[in-house]
């Protein structure tokens, strides 16, 4: 679970976007993991990003939708005890 952020999922062609897991974000405020001021600052930043998406401003106009990782990089492996790491 994440705390203190709102994830914005954007279509590759920038035709749509949505905020992911708003219920988790609200819960974080309700249980005191985030203050109201922190939540407001995060929402303000999300609105700034959404404006950049809608206006097709960087980095949403730089061709990142065509980026692919170099196949020579391989697939990273998780450590055996990755679930116990925080």
N, C-alpha and C. Protein backbone atom coordinates (compact mmCIF):
# COMPACT_ATOMS: atom_id res chain seq x y z
N UNK A 1 0.84 -1.18 0.00
CA UNK A 1 0.00 0.00 0.00
C UNK A 1 0.88 1.24 0.00
N UNK A 2 0.47 2.22 -0.74
CA UNK A 2 1.21 3.47 -0.77
C UNK A 2 0.57 4.48 0.16
N UNK A 3 1.35 5.42 0.58
CA UNK A 3 0.86 6.47 1.47
C UNK A 3 1.39 7.80 0.96
N UNK A 4 0.54 8.77 0.88
CA UNK A 4 1.00 10.10 0.56
C UNK A 4 1.18 10.38 -0.90
N UNK A 5 0.42 9.72 -1.76
CA UNK A 5 0.49 10.05 -3.17
C UNK A 5 -0.81 9.67 -3.84
N UNK A 6 -1.05 10.31 -4.95
CA UNK A 6 -2.17 9.95 -5.81
C UNK A 6 -1.56 9.53 -7.14
N UNK A 7 -1.89 8.35 -7.58
CA UNK A 7 -1.40 7.87 -8.87
C UNK A 7 -2.38 8.28 -9.95
N UNK A 8 -1.86 8.85 -11.03
CA UNK A 8 -2.68 9.25 -12.15
C UNK A 8 -2.34 8.33 -13.32
N UNK A 9 -3.34 7.60 -13.79
CA UNK A 9 -3.16 6.67 -14.91
C UNK A 9 -3.59 7.41 -16.17
N UNK A 10 -2.67 7.47 -17.15
CA UNK A 10 -2.91 8.25 -18.36
C UNK A 10 -2.86 7.32 -19.57
N UNK A 11 -3.84 7.47 -20.46
CA UNK A 11 -3.84 6.70 -21.71
C UNK A 11 -2.63 7.12 -22.55
N UNK A 12 -2.00 6.18 -23.26
CA UNK A 12 -0.82 6.52 -24.07
C UNK A 12 -1.05 7.67 -25.04
N UNK A 13 -2.26 7.79 -25.57
CA UNK A 13 -2.52 8.88 -26.51
C UNK A 13 -3.02 10.16 -25.81
N UNK A 14 -2.97 10.16 -24.48
CA UNK A 14 -3.36 11.29 -23.64
C UNK A 14 -4.84 11.65 -23.76
N UNK A 15 -5.65 10.74 -24.31
CA UNK A 15 -7.06 11.03 -24.50
C UNK A 15 -7.87 10.96 -23.21
N UNK A 16 -7.31 10.29 -22.21
CA UNK A 16 -8.02 10.18 -20.94
C UNK A 16 -7.02 9.96 -19.81
N UNK A 17 -7.50 10.20 -18.61
CA UNK A 17 -6.71 9.96 -17.40
C UNK A 17 -7.69 9.64 -16.28
N UNK A 18 -7.16 9.03 -15.23
CA UNK A 18 -7.97 8.77 -14.03
C UNK A 18 -7.04 8.72 -12.83
N UNK A 19 -7.59 9.09 -11.70
CA UNK A 19 -6.83 8.99 -10.45
C UNK A 19 -7.12 7.61 -9.87
N UNK A 20 -6.06 6.90 -9.55
CA UNK A 20 -6.15 5.54 -9.06
C UNK A 20 -6.16 5.52 -7.53
N UNK A 21 -6.95 4.65 -6.96
CA UNK A 21 -6.95 4.38 -5.51
C UNK A 21 -7.28 5.60 -4.64
N UNK A 22 -8.24 6.39 -5.08
CA UNK A 22 -8.64 7.53 -4.25
C UNK A 22 -9.19 7.09 -2.90
N UNK A 23 -9.79 5.90 -2.87
CA UNK A 23 -10.31 5.40 -1.60
C UNK A 23 -9.19 5.14 -0.60
N UNK A 24 -8.07 4.63 -1.07
CA UNK A 24 -6.92 4.39 -0.19
C UNK A 24 -6.36 5.72 0.31
N UNK A 25 -6.32 6.69 -0.58
CA UNK A 25 -5.84 8.03 -0.20
C UNK A 25 -6.75 8.62 0.89
N UNK A 26 -8.06 8.54 0.68
CA UNK A 26 -9.01 9.06 1.67
C UNK A 26 -8.87 8.32 3.00
N UNK A 27 -8.69 7.01 2.94
CA UNK A 27 -8.50 6.22 4.15
C UNK A 27 -7.25 6.68 4.90
N UNK A 28 -6.17 6.98 4.16
CA UNK A 28 -4.93 7.45 4.79
C UNK A 28 -5.16 8.73 5.59
N UNK A 29 -6.04 9.58 5.10
CA UNK A 29 -6.38 10.80 5.83
C UNK A 29 -7.26 10.45 7.03
N UNK A 30 -8.25 9.60 6.79
CA UNK A 30 -9.20 9.23 7.86
C UNK A 30 -8.51 8.62 9.07
N UNK A 31 -7.49 7.79 8.84
CA UNK A 31 -6.83 7.12 9.96
C UNK A 31 -5.62 7.90 10.49
N UNK A 32 -5.35 9.06 9.89
CA UNK A 32 -4.28 9.90 10.41
C UNK A 32 -2.91 9.66 9.83
N UNK A 33 -2.79 8.86 8.79
CA UNK A 33 -1.49 8.69 8.14
C UNK A 33 -1.06 9.95 7.40
N UNK A 34 -2.06 10.73 6.98
CA UNK A 34 -1.81 12.02 6.34
C UNK A 34 -2.64 13.07 7.06
N UNK A 35 -2.08 14.25 7.20
CA UNK A 35 -2.86 15.35 7.74
C UNK A 35 -3.71 15.94 6.62
N UNK A 36 -4.69 16.73 7.00
CA UNK A 36 -5.52 17.41 5.99
C UNK A 36 -4.66 18.32 5.13
N UNK A 37 -3.67 18.98 5.73
CA UNK A 37 -2.78 19.87 4.98
C UNK A 37 -1.93 19.08 3.98
N UNK A 38 -1.42 17.92 4.40
CA UNK A 38 -0.64 17.09 3.48
C UNK A 38 -1.51 16.61 2.33
N UNK A 39 -2.73 16.17 2.65
CA UNK A 39 -3.64 15.69 1.60
C UNK A 39 -3.95 16.81 0.61
N UNK A 40 -4.18 18.01 1.12
CA UNK A 40 -4.48 19.15 0.24
C UNK A 40 -3.28 19.46 -0.67
N UNK A 41 -2.08 19.41 -0.12
CA UNK A 41 -0.88 19.66 -0.94
C UNK A 41 -0.73 18.60 -2.03
N UNK A 42 -1.02 17.35 -1.69
CA UNK A 42 -0.93 16.27 -2.68
C UNK A 42 -1.99 16.45 -3.75
N UNK A 43 -3.20 16.79 -3.36
CA UNK A 43 -4.27 17.03 -4.34
C UNK A 43 -3.93 18.22 -5.26
N UNK A 44 -3.36 19.26 -4.69
CA UNK A 44 -2.95 20.42 -5.48
C UNK A 44 -1.92 20.02 -6.53
N UNK A 45 -0.97 19.20 -6.12
CA UNK A 45 0.05 18.73 -7.08
C UNK A 45 -0.58 17.83 -8.14
N UNK A 46 -1.52 16.98 -7.76
CA UNK A 46 -2.21 16.14 -8.74
C UNK A 46 -2.95 17.01 -9.75
N UNK A 47 -3.60 18.06 -9.30
CA UNK A 47 -4.29 18.98 -10.22
C UNK A 47 -3.31 19.64 -11.17
N UNK A 48 -2.12 20.00 -10.67
CA UNK A 48 -1.09 20.60 -11.53
C UNK A 48 -0.67 19.62 -12.62
N UNK A 49 -0.48 18.37 -12.24
CA UNK A 49 -0.08 17.34 -13.20
C UNK A 49 -1.19 17.10 -14.22
N UNK A 50 -2.43 17.03 -13.76
CA UNK A 50 -3.56 16.82 -14.67
C UNK A 50 -3.64 17.96 -15.69
N UNK A 51 -3.41 19.17 -15.24
CA UNK A 51 -3.39 20.31 -16.19
C UNK A 51 -2.31 20.11 -17.24
N UNK A 52 -1.14 19.63 -16.82
CA UNK A 52 -0.05 19.40 -17.78
C UNK A 52 -0.44 18.30 -18.77
N UNK A 53 -1.13 17.27 -18.30
CA UNK A 53 -1.59 16.20 -19.18
C UNK A 53 -2.55 16.78 -20.21
N UNK A 54 -3.54 17.51 -19.75
CA UNK A 54 -4.57 18.04 -20.63
C UNK A 54 -4.03 19.05 -21.62
N UNK A 55 -3.02 19.81 -21.22
CA UNK A 55 -2.43 20.80 -22.13
C UNK A 55 -1.28 20.23 -22.94
N UNK A 56 -0.98 18.93 -22.71
CA UNK A 56 0.09 18.24 -23.43
C UNK A 56 1.44 18.97 -23.26
N UNK A 57 1.73 19.30 -22.01
CA UNK A 57 2.99 19.94 -21.67
C UNK A 57 3.99 18.88 -21.22
N UNK A 58 5.30 19.19 -21.23
CA UNK A 58 6.29 18.21 -20.79
C UNK A 58 5.98 17.70 -19.39
N UNK A 59 6.19 16.44 -19.15
CA UNK A 59 6.78 15.42 -20.01
C UNK A 59 5.76 14.69 -20.89
N UNK A 60 4.55 15.23 -21.02
CA UNK A 60 3.49 14.54 -21.74
C UNK A 60 3.45 14.87 -23.23
N UNK A 61 4.52 15.44 -23.74
CA UNK A 61 4.60 15.74 -25.17
C UNK A 61 5.97 15.34 -25.72
N UNK A 62 6.72 14.58 -24.96
CA UNK A 62 8.11 14.30 -25.30
C UNK A 62 8.37 12.94 -25.94
N UNK A 63 7.32 12.20 -26.30
CA UNK A 63 7.52 10.92 -26.96
C UNK A 63 7.78 9.75 -26.04
N UNK A 64 7.57 9.91 -24.74
CA UNK A 64 7.82 8.82 -23.80
C UNK A 64 6.92 7.61 -24.05
N UNK A 65 5.77 7.81 -24.68
CA UNK A 65 4.86 6.69 -24.92
C UNK A 65 5.47 5.67 -25.88
N UNK A 66 6.52 6.06 -26.58
CA UNK A 66 7.18 5.16 -27.52
C UNK A 66 8.44 4.51 -26.93
N UNK A 67 8.79 4.89 -25.70
CA UNK A 67 10.00 4.38 -25.07
C UNK A 67 9.84 2.92 -24.68
N UNK A 68 10.89 2.16 -24.91
CA UNK A 68 10.96 0.78 -24.43
C UNK A 68 12.34 0.56 -23.83
N UNK A 69 12.45 -0.25 -22.80
CA UNK A 69 13.77 -0.50 -22.21
C UNK A 69 14.64 -1.32 -23.15
N UNK A 70 15.92 -1.15 -23.01
CA UNK A 70 16.89 -1.93 -23.79
C UNK A 70 16.77 -3.39 -23.37
N UNK A 71 16.57 -4.29 -24.32
CA UNK A 71 16.43 -5.72 -24.02
C UNK A 71 17.67 -6.29 -23.34
N UNK A 72 18.82 -5.67 -23.55
CA UNK A 72 20.05 -6.14 -22.93
C UNK A 72 20.04 -5.94 -21.40
N UNK A 73 19.14 -5.12 -20.91
CA UNK A 73 19.08 -4.88 -19.47
C UNK A 73 18.62 -6.12 -18.72
N UNK A 74 17.86 -6.97 -19.34
CA UNK A 74 17.35 -8.16 -18.65
C UNK A 74 16.26 -7.80 -17.66
N UNK A 75 15.77 -8.80 -16.98
CA UNK A 75 14.72 -8.61 -15.99
C UNK A 75 15.33 -8.67 -14.60
N UNK A 76 15.13 -7.63 -13.79
CA UNK A 76 15.69 -7.66 -12.44
C UNK A 76 15.00 -8.74 -11.60
N UNK A 77 15.73 -9.25 -10.62
CA UNK A 77 15.17 -10.26 -9.73
C UNK A 77 15.02 -9.67 -8.33
N UNK A 78 13.93 -10.05 -7.69
CA UNK A 78 13.69 -9.62 -6.32
C UNK A 78 14.52 -10.47 -5.36
N UNK A 79 14.90 -9.87 -4.25
CA UNK A 79 15.59 -10.61 -3.20
C UNK A 79 14.62 -11.64 -2.62
N UNK A 80 15.14 -12.74 -2.11
CA UNK A 80 14.31 -13.80 -1.57
C UNK A 80 13.38 -13.34 -0.46
N UNK A 81 13.82 -12.37 0.34
CA UNK A 81 12.99 -11.92 1.47
C UNK A 81 12.33 -10.57 1.18
N UNK A 82 12.00 -10.33 -0.08
CA UNK A 82 11.48 -9.02 -0.49
C UNK A 82 10.21 -8.63 0.25
N UNK A 83 9.40 -9.60 0.69
CA UNK A 83 8.16 -9.26 1.38
C UNK A 83 8.39 -8.69 2.78
N UNK A 84 9.53 -8.99 3.35
CA UNK A 84 9.81 -8.51 4.71
C UNK A 84 10.53 -7.16 4.70
N UNK A 85 10.88 -6.68 3.52
CA UNK A 85 11.61 -5.41 3.42
C UNK A 85 10.63 -4.25 3.47
N UNK A 86 11.04 -3.16 4.11
CA UNK A 86 10.18 -1.97 4.13
C UNK A 86 10.99 -0.73 3.88
